[in-house]
Amino acid sequence: MTRRRQPEAEVFGERLRALRTTRGLTQVALADASGLIDTYISDMERGLKVPSLTTLIRLAVALDCRVGDLVAAFDEETNLRRFLKM
């Protein structure tokens, strides 16, 4: 079964990966720090999963950033257009 990528998940996943790698964290390290499973981190980064608010908060704490930093990519017009083409 092939999982379908969601436009909003792709935008978020790119941002999550950028924040994680900037901080020098592996997916496993981020999973450990956030209390999530590493495969879930991978799925989010690949645009296969959309995080809940609780997950966003856990990720923000683990990445030492604001929740707004995680969703800031949606402020960019290019990403908004991509998201709205659903």
PDB file of N, CA and C in Angstrom:
ATOM      1  N   MET A   1       0.834  -1.183   0.000  1.00  0.00           N
ATOM      2  CA  MET A   1       0.000   0.000   0.000  1.00  0.00           C
ATOM      3  C   MET A   1       0.879   1.247   0.000  1.00  0.00           C
ATOM      4  N   THR A   2       0.657   2.133  -0.944  1.00  0.00           N
ATOM      5  CA  THR A   2       1.411   3.368  -1.049  1.00  0.00           C
ATOM      6  C   THR A   2       0.685   4.459  -0.271  1.00  0.00           C
ATOM      7  N   ARG A   3       1.423   5.118   0.586  1.00  0.00           N
ATOM      8  CA  ARG A   3       0.828   6.209   1.350  1.00  0.00           C
ATOM      9  C   ARG A   3       0.919   7.499   0.548  1.00  0.00           C
ATOM     10  N   ARG A   4      -0.143   8.256   0.560  1.00  0.00           N
ATOM     11  CA  ARG A   4      -0.235   9.496  -0.201  1.00  0.00           C
ATOM     12  C   ARG A   4       0.335  10.656   0.606  1.00  0.00           C
ATOM     13  N   ARG A   5       1.165  11.451  -0.045  1.00  0.00           N
ATOM     14  CA  ARG A   5       1.708  12.639   0.599  1.00  0.00           C
ATOM     15  C   ARG A   5       0.649  13.739   0.588  1.00  0.00           C
ATOM     16  N   GLN A   6       0.617  14.493   1.655  1.00  0.00           N
ATOM     17  CA  GLN A   6      -0.327  15.590   1.780  1.00  0.00           C
ATOM     18  C   GLN A   6       0.451  16.901   1.635  1.00  0.00           C
ATOM     19  N   PRO A   7      -0.052  17.857   0.852  1.00  0.00           N
ATOM     20  CA  PRO A   7       0.690  19.105   0.626  1.00  0.00           C
ATOM     21  C   PRO A   7       1.100  19.809   1.920  1.00  0.00           C
ATOM     22  N   GLU A   8       0.184  19.905   2.868  1.00  0.00           N
ATOM     23  CA  GLU A   8       0.520  20.580   4.130  1.00  0.00           C
ATOM     24  C   GLU A   8       1.558  19.791   4.917  1.00  0.00           C
ATOM     25  N   ALA A   9       1.510  18.477   4.808  1.00  0.00           N
ATOM     26  CA  ALA A   9       2.489  17.637   5.497  1.00  0.00           C
ATOM     27  C   ALA A   9       3.861  17.781   4.858  1.00  0.00           C
ATOM     28  N   GLU A  10       3.923  17.942   3.541  1.00  0.00           N
ATOM     29  CA  GLU A  10       5.202  18.130   2.861  1.00  0.00           C
ATOM     30  C   GLU A  10       5.857  19.441   3.287  1.00  0.00           C
ATOM     31  N   VAL A  11       5.075  20.510   3.347  1.00  0.00           N
ATOM     32  CA  VAL A  11       5.593  21.812   3.773  1.00  0.00           C
ATOM     33  C   VAL A  11       6.102  21.713   5.207  1.00  0.00           C
ATOM     34  N   PHE A  12       5.306  21.116   6.076  1.00  0.00           N
ATOM     35  CA  PHE A  12       5.729  20.975   7.469  1.00  0.00           C
ATOM     36  C   PHE A  12       6.968  20.089   7.573  1.00  0.00           C
ATOM     37  N   GLY A  13       6.984  18.991   6.848  1.00  0.00           N
ATOM     38  CA  GLY A  13       8.107  18.056   6.914  1.00  0.00           C
ATOM     39  C   GLY A  13       9.426  18.684   6.520  1.00  0.00           C
ATOM     40  N   GLU A  14       9.401  19.523   5.497  1.00  0.00           N
ATOM     41  CA  GLU A  14      10.612  20.226   5.079  1.00  0.00           C
ATOM     42  C   GLU A  14      11.114  21.128   6.200  1.00  0.00           C
ATOM     43  N   ARG A  15      10.191  21.823   6.840  1.00  0.00           N
ATOM     44  CA  ARG A  15      10.559  22.726   7.938  1.00  0.00           C
ATOM     45  C   ARG A  15      11.099  21.952   9.133  1.00  0.00           C
ATOM     46  N   LEU A  16      10.443  20.853   9.474  1.00  0.00           N
ATOM     47  CA  LEU A  16      10.886  20.026  10.595  1.00  0.00           C
ATOM     48  C   LEU A  16      12.304  19.514  10.347  1.00  0.00           C
ATOM     49  N   ARG A  17      12.544  18.985   9.161  1.00  0.00           N
ATOM     50  CA  ARG A  17      13.877  18.471   8.827  1.00  0.00           C
ATOM     51  C   ARG A  17      14.936  19.575   8.929  1.00  0.00           C
ATOM     52  N   ALA A  18      14.598  20.765   8.428  1.00  0.00           N
ATOM     53  CA  ALA A  18      15.552  21.883   8.477  1.00  0.00           C
ATOM     54  C   ALA A  18      15.900  22.253   9.920  1.00  0.00           C
ATOM     55  N   LEU A  19      14.889  22.353  10.770  1.00  0.00           N
ATOM     56  CA  LEU A  19      15.141  22.686  12.174  1.00  0.00           C
ATOM     57  C   LEU A  19      15.944  21.591  12.872  1.00  0.00           C
ATOM     58  N   ARG A  20      15.598  20.346  12.592  1.00  0.00           N
ATOM     59  CA  ARG A  20      16.294  19.221  13.227  1.00  0.00           C
ATOM     60  C   ARG A  20      17.762  19.181  12.815  1.00  0.00           C
ATOM     61  N   THR A  21      18.027  19.300  11.529  1.00  0.00           N
ATOM     62  CA  THR A  21      19.411  19.194  11.059  1.00  0.00           C
ATOM     63  C   THR A  21      20.240  20.408  11.477  1.00  0.00           C
ATOM     64  N   THR A  22      19.615  21.582  11.521  1.00  0.00           N
ATOM     65  CA  THR A  22      20.314  22.781  11.992  1.00  0.00           C
ATOM     66  C   THR A  22      20.800  22.597  13.425  1.00  0.00           C
ATOM     67  N   ARG A  23      20.040  21.855  14.192  1.00  0.00           N
ATOM     68  CA  ARG A  23      20.410  21.619  15.584  1.00  0.00           C
ATOM     69  C   ARG A  23      21.297  20.382  15.757  1.00  0.00           C
ATOM     70  N   GLY A  24      21.630  19.749  14.650  1.00  0.00           N
ATOM     71  CA  GLY A  24      22.531  18.604  14.697  1.00  0.00           C
ATOM     72  C   GLY A  24      21.922  17.350  15.299  1.00  0.00           C
ATOM     73  N   LEU A  25      20.607  17.220  15.197  1.00  0.00           N
ATOM     74  CA  LEU A  25      19.921  16.062  15.768  1.00  0.00           C
ATOM     75  C   LEU A  25      19.596  15.025  14.698  1.00  0.00           C
ATOM     76  N   THR A  26      19.669  13.771  15.064  1.00  0.00           N
ATOM     77  CA  THR A  26      19.179  12.703  14.204  1.00  0.00           C
ATOM     78  C   THR A  26      17.684  12.552  14.460  1.00  0.00           C
ATOM     79  N   GLN A  27      17.035  11.806  13.611  1.00  0.00           N
ATOM     80  CA  GLN A  27      15.616  11.529  13.840  1.00  0.00           C
ATOM     81  C   GLN A  27      15.431  10.770  15.149  1.00  0.00           C
ATOM     82  N   VAL A  28      16.334   9.862  15.446  1.00  0.00           N
ATOM     83  CA  VAL A  28      16.245   9.080  16.687  1.00  0.00           C
ATOM     84  C   VAL A  28      16.408   9.998  17.898  1.00  0.00           C
ATOM     85  N   ALA A  29      17.376  10.920  17.839  1.00  0.00           N
ATOM     86  CA  ALA A  29      17.589  11.839  18.955  1.00  0.00           C
ATOM     87  C   ALA A  29      16.375  12.740  19.165  1.00  0.00           C
ATOM     88  N   LEU A  30      15.792  13.218  18.069  1.00  0.00           N
ATOM     89  CA  LEU A  30      14.586  14.059  18.191  1.00  0.00           C
ATOM     90  C   LEU A  30      13.426  13.245  18.747  1.00  0.00           C
ATOM     91  N   ALA A  31      13.299  12.023  18.304  1.00  0.00           N
ATOM     92  CA  ALA A  31      12.237  11.159  18.819  1.00  0.00           C
ATOM     93  C   ALA A  31      12.400  10.952  20.316  1.00  0.00           C
ATOM     94  N   ASP A  32      13.613  10.670  20.748  1.00  0.00           N
ATOM     95  CA  ASP A  32      13.872  10.471  22.184  1.00  0.00           C
ATOM     96  C   ASP A  32      13.548  11.733  22.979  1.00  0.00           C
ATOM     97  N   ALA A  33      13.974  12.888  22.475  1.00  0.00           N
ATOM     98  CA  ALA A  33      13.774  14.143  23.189  1.00  0.00           C
ATOM     99  C   ALA A  33      12.311  14.562  23.235  1.00  0.00           C
ATOM    100  N   SER A  34      11.539  14.141  22.245  1.00  0.00           N
ATOM    101  CA  SER A  34      10.135  14.562  22.172  1.00  0.00           C
ATOM    102  C   SER A  34       9.152  13.511  22.683  1.00  0.00           C
ATOM    103  N   GLY A  35       9.647  12.305  22.964  1.00  0.00           N
ATOM    104  CA  GLY A  35       8.763  11.243  23.417  1.00  0.00           C
ATOM    105  C   GLY A  35       7.961  10.628  22.282  1.00  0.00           C
ATOM    106  N   LEU A  36       8.441  10.817  21.061  1.00  0.00           N
ATOM    107  CA  LEU A  36       7.773  10.250  19.891  1.00  0.00           C
ATOM    108  C   LEU A  36       8.587   9.069  19.366  1.00  0.00           C
ATOM    109  N   ILE A  37       8.081   8.417  18.353  1.00  0.00           N
ATOM    110  CA  ILE A  37       8.765   7.272  17.747  1.00  0.00           C
ATOM    111  C   ILE A  37       9.521   7.778  16.519  1.00  0.00           C
ATOM    112  N   ASP A  38      10.731   7.271  16.304  1.00  0.00           N
ATOM    113  CA  ASP A  38      11.550   7.759  15.198  1.00  0.00           C
ATOM    114  C   ASP A  38      10.888   7.552  13.832  1.00  0.00           C
ATOM    115  N   THR A  39      10.123   6.508  13.670  1.00  0.00           N
ATOM    116  CA  THR A  39       9.446   6.304  12.383  1.00  0.00           C
ATOM    117  C   THR A  39       8.369   7.375  12.157  1.00  0.00           C
ATOM    118  N   TYR A  40       7.789   7.880  13.236  1.00  0.00           N
ATOM    119  CA  TYR A  40       6.807   8.959  13.116  1.00  0.00           C
ATOM    120  C   TYR A  40       7.501  10.250  12.691  1.00  0.00           C
ATOM    121  N   ILE A  41       8.691  10.505  13.245  1.00  0.00           N
ATOM    122  CA  ILE A  41       9.480  11.666  12.837  1.00  0.00           C
ATOM    123  C   ILE A  41       9.781  11.553  11.342  1.00  0.00           C
ATOM    124  N   SER A  42      10.201  10.384  10.918  1.00  0.00           N
ATOM    125  CA  SER A  42      10.502  10.137   9.505  1.00  0.00           C
ATOM    126  C   SER A  42       9.270  10.367   8.629  1.00  0.00           C
ATOM    127  N   ASP A  43       8.135   9.835   9.045  1.00  0.00           N
ATOM    128  CA  ASP A  43       6.894  10.006   8.278  1.00  0.00           C
ATOM    129  C   ASP A  43       6.505  11.483   8.163  1.00  0.00           C
ATOM    130  N   MET A  44       6.683  12.243   9.242  1.00  0.00           N
ATOM    131  CA  MET A  44       6.373  13.670   9.188  1.00  0.00           C
ATOM    132  C   MET A  44       7.315  14.380   8.219  1.00  0.00           C
ATOM    133  N   GLU A  45       8.597  14.062   8.288  1.00  0.00           N
ATOM    134  CA  GLU A  45       9.566  14.722   7.415  1.00  0.00           C
ATOM    135  C   GLU A  45       9.343  14.383   5.942  1.00  0.00           C
ATOM    136  N   ARG A  46       8.808  13.222   5.673  1.00  0.00           N
ATOM    137  CA  ARG A  46       8.549  12.811   4.289  1.00  0.00           C
ATOM    138  C   ARG A  46       7.168  13.240   3.793  1.00  0.00           C
ATOM    139  N   GLY A  47       6.426  13.941   4.629  1.00  0.00           N
ATOM    140  CA  GLY A  47       5.125  14.447   4.211  1.00  0.00           C
ATOM    141  C   GLY A  47       4.016  13.419   4.251  1.00  0.00           C
ATOM    142  N   LEU A  48       4.196  12.389   5.059  1.00  0.00           N
ATOM    143  CA  LEU A  48       3.185  11.332   5.146  1.00  0.00           C
ATOM    144  C   LEU A  48       2.264  11.477   6.347  1.00  0.00           C
ATOM    145  N   LYS A  49       2.676  12.273   7.322  1.00  0.00           N
ATOM    146  CA  LYS A  49       1.869  12.479   8.530  1.00  0.00           C
ATOM    147  C   LYS A  49       1.776  13.959   8.847  1.00  0.00           C
ATOM    148  N   VAL A  50       0.620  14.375   9.337  1.00  0.00           N
ATOM    149  CA  VAL A  50       0.397  15.740   9.805  1.00  0.00           C
ATOM    150  C   VAL A  50       0.331  15.690  11.325  1.00  0.00           C
ATOM    151  N   PRO A  51       1.166  16.466  12.018  1.00  0.00           N
ATOM    152  CA  PRO A  51       1.194  16.397  13.477  1.00  0.00           C
ATOM    153  C   PRO A  51      -0.009  17.068  14.131  1.00  0.00           C
ATOM    154  N   SER A  52      -0.361  16.561  15.286  1.00  0.00           N
ATOM    155  CA  SER A  52      -1.396  17.192  16.104  1.00  0.00           C
ATOM    156  C   SER A  52      -0.776  18.371  16.857  1.00  0.00           C
ATOM    157  N   LEU A  53      -1.606  19.163  17.501  1.00  0.00           N
ATOM    158  CA  LEU A  53      -1.114  20.277  18.304  1.00  0.00           C
ATOM    159  C   LEU A  53      -0.205  19.770  19.417  1.00  0.00           C
ATOM    160  N   THR A  54      -0.579  18.694  20.058  1.00  0.00           N
ATOM    161  CA  THR A  54       0.247  18.120  21.127  1.00  0.00           C
ATOM    162  C   THR A  54       1.617  17.735  20.585  1.00  0.00           C
ATOM    163  N   THR A  55       1.652  17.143  19.402  1.00  0.00           N
ATOM    164  CA  THR A  55       2.924  16.754  18.792  1.00  0.00           C
ATOM    165  C   THR A  55       3.750  17.990  18.458  1.00  0.00           C
ATOM    166  N   LEU A  56       3.115  19.034  17.947  1.00  0.00           N
ATOM    167  CA  LEU A  56       3.829  20.277  17.668  1.00  0.00           C
ATOM    168  C   LEU A  56       4.487  20.833  18.922  1.00  0.00           C
ATOM    169  N   ILE A  57       3.770  20.803  20.025  1.00  0.00           N
ATOM    170  CA  ILE A  57       4.314  21.300  21.290  1.00  0.00           C
ATOM    171  C   ILE A  57       5.499  20.443  21.732  1.00  0.00           C
ATOM    172  N   ARG A  58       5.371  19.126  21.637  1.00  0.00           N
ATOM    173  CA  ARG A  58       6.482  18.235  22.000  1.00  0.00           C
ATOM    174  C   ARG A  58       7.711  18.496  21.146  1.00  0.00           C
ATOM    175  N   LEU A  59       7.495  18.686  19.839  1.00  0.00           N
ATOM    176  CA  LEU A  59       8.612  18.958  18.931  1.00  0.00           C
ATOM    177  C   LEU A  59       9.267  20.298  19.254  1.00  0.00           C
ATOM    178  N   ALA A  60       8.465  21.312  19.530  1.00  0.00           N
ATOM    179  CA  ALA A  60       9.004  22.632  19.855  1.00  0.00           C
ATOM    180  C   ALA A  60       9.875  22.569  21.106  1.00  0.00           C
ATOM    181  N   VAL A  61       9.413  21.869  22.117  1.00  0.00           N
ATOM    182  CA  VAL A  61      10.201  21.730  23.346  1.00  0.00           C
ATOM    183  C   VAL A  61      11.504  20.995  23.047  1.00  0.00           C
ATOM    184  N   ALA A  62      11.417  19.905  22.300  1.00  0.00           N
ATOM    185  CA  ALA A  62      12.600  19.097  21.986  1.00  0.00           C
ATOM    186  C   ALA A  62      13.600  19.866  21.110  1.00  0.00           C
ATOM    187  N   LEU A  63      13.091  20.732  20.239  1.00  0.00           N
ATOM    188  CA  LEU A  63      13.960  21.505  19.345  1.00  0.00           C
ATOM    189  C   LEU A  63      14.344  22.863  19.934  1.00  0.00           C
ATOM    190  N   ASP A  64      13.846  23.150  21.137  1.00  0.00           N
ATOM    191  CA  ASP A  64      14.105  24.415  21.811  1.00  0.00           C
ATOM    192  C   ASP A  64      13.737  25.594  20.899  1.00  0.00           C
ATOM    193  N   CYS A  65      12.501  25.546  20.418  1.00  0.00           N
ATOM    194  CA  CYS A  65      12.003  26.622  19.567  1.00  0.00           C
ATOM    195  C   CYS A  65      10.534  26.876  19.914  1.00  0.00           C
ATOM    196  N   ARG A  66       9.967  27.859  19.262  1.00  0.00           N
ATOM    197  CA  ARG A  66       8.546  28.152  19.459  1.00  0.00           C
ATOM    198  C   ARG A  66       7.720  27.307  18.497  1.00  0.00           C
ATOM    199  N   VAL A  67       6.493  27.029  18.843  1.00  0.00           N
ATOM    200  CA  VAL A  67       5.599  26.309  17.937  1.00  0.00           C
ATOM    201  C   VAL A  67       5.500  27.086  16.624  1.00  0.00           C
ATOM    202  N   GLY A  68       5.479  28.396  16.728  1.00  0.00           N
ATOM    203  CA  GLY A  68       5.417  29.239  15.533  1.00  0.00           C
ATOM    204  C   GLY A  68       6.584  29.021  14.590  1.00  0.00           C
ATOM    205  N   ASP A  69       7.746  28.680  15.137  1.00  0.00           N
ATOM    206  CA  ASP A  69       8.909  28.394  14.285  1.00  0.00           C
ATOM    207  C   ASP A  69       8.664  27.148  13.440  1.00  0.00           C
ATOM    208  N   LEU A  70       7.944  26.199  13.988  1.00  0.00           N
ATOM    209  CA  LEU A  70       7.654  24.963  13.254  1.00  0.00           C
ATOM    210  C   LEU A  70       6.668  25.179  12.112  1.00  0.00           C
ATOM    211  N   VAL A  71       5.770  26.107  12.278  1.00  0.00           N
ATOM    212  CA  VAL A  71       4.748  26.332  11.249  1.00  0.00           C
ATOM    213  C   VAL A  71       4.994  27.600  10.441  1.00  0.00           C
ATOM    214  N   ALA A  72       6.126  28.242  10.652  1.00  0.00           N
ATOM    215  CA  ALA A  72       6.450  29.486   9.959  1.00  0.00           C
ATOM    216  C   ALA A  72       6.484  29.309   8.449  1.00  0.00           C
ATOM    217  N   ALA A  73       6.762  28.101   7.995  1.00  0.00           N
ATOM    218  CA  ALA A  73       6.809  27.857   6.550  1.00  0.00           C
ATOM    219  C   ALA A  73       5.475  28.170   5.876  1.00  0.00           C
ATOM    220  N   PHE A  74       4.392  28.101   6.622  1.00  0.00           N
ATOM    221  CA  PHE A  74       3.079  28.386   6.050  1.00  0.00           C
ATOM    222  C   PHE A  74       2.845  29.880   5.874  1.00  0.00           C
ATOM    223  N   ASP A  75       3.738  30.703   6.409  1.00  0.00           N
ATOM    224  CA  ASP A  75       3.654  32.147   6.207  1.00  0.00           C
ATOM    225  C   ASP A  75       4.191  32.555   4.843  1.00  0.00           C
ATOM    226  N   GLU A  76       4.953  31.668   4.210  1.00  0.00           N
ATOM    227  CA  GLU A  76       5.544  31.968   2.913  1.00  0.00           C
ATOM    228  C   GLU A  76       4.513  31.718   1.812  1.00  0.00           C
ATOM    229  N   GLU A  77       4.363  32.685   0.933  1.00  0.00           N
ATOM    230  CA  GLU A  77       3.328  32.616  -0.101  1.00  0.00           C
ATOM    231  C   GLU A  77       3.456  31.372  -0.978  1.00  0.00           C
ATOM    232  N   THR A  78       4.690  31.003  -1.323  1.00  0.00           N
ATOM    233  CA  THR A  78       4.898  29.823  -2.175  1.00  0.00           C
ATOM    234  C   THR A  78       4.321  28.576  -1.517  1.00  0.00           C
ATOM    235  N   ASN A  79       4.564  28.415  -0.240  1.00  0.00           N
ATOM    236  CA  ASN A  79       4.061  27.244   0.468  1.00  0.00           C
ATOM    237  C   ASN A  79       2.554  27.301   0.647  1.00  0.00           C
ATOM    238  N   LEU A  80       2.014  28.476   0.853  1.00  0.00           N
ATOM    239  CA  LEU A  80       0.559  28.605   0.970  1.00  0.00           C
ATOM    240  C   LEU A  80      -0.113  28.195  -0.327  1.00  0.00           C
ATOM    241  N   ARG A  81       0.444  28.607  -1.448  1.00  0.00           N
ATOM    242  CA  ARG A  81      -0.135  28.239  -2.739  1.00  0.00           C
ATOM    243  C   ARG A  81      -0.055  26.718  -2.931  1.00  0.00           C
ATOM    244  N   ARG A  82       1.062  26.124  -2.547  1.00  0.00           N
ATOM    245  CA  ARG A  82       1.228  24.678  -2.646  1.00  0.00           C
ATOM    246  C   ARG A  82       0.178  23.973  -1.808  1.00  0.00           C
ATOM    247  N   PHE A  83      -0.043  24.478  -0.617  1.00  0.00           N
ATOM    248  CA  PHE A  83      -1.010  23.880   0.309  1.00  0.00           C
ATOM    249  C   PHE A  83      -2.430  24.026  -0.220  1.00  0.00           C
ATOM    250  N   LEU A  84      -2.749  25.156  -0.797  1.00  0.00           N
ATOM    251  CA  LEU A  84      -4.114  25.407  -1.252  1.00  0.00           C
ATOM    252  C   LEU A  84      -4.464  24.686  -2.545  1.00  0.00           C
ATOM    253  N   LYS A  85      -3.497  24.066  -3.192  1.00  0.00           N
ATOM    254  CA  LYS A  85      -3.762  23.336  -4.434  1.00  0.00           C
ATOM    255  C   LYS A  85      -4.277  21.934  -4.174  1.00  0.00           C
ATOM    256  N   MET A  86      -4.696  21.623  -3.004  1.00  0.00           N
ATOM    257  CA  MET A  86      -5.159  20.288  -2.641  1.00  0.00           C
ATOM    258  C   MET A  86      -6.241  19.811  -3.561  1.00  0.00           C
TER     259      MET A  86
END
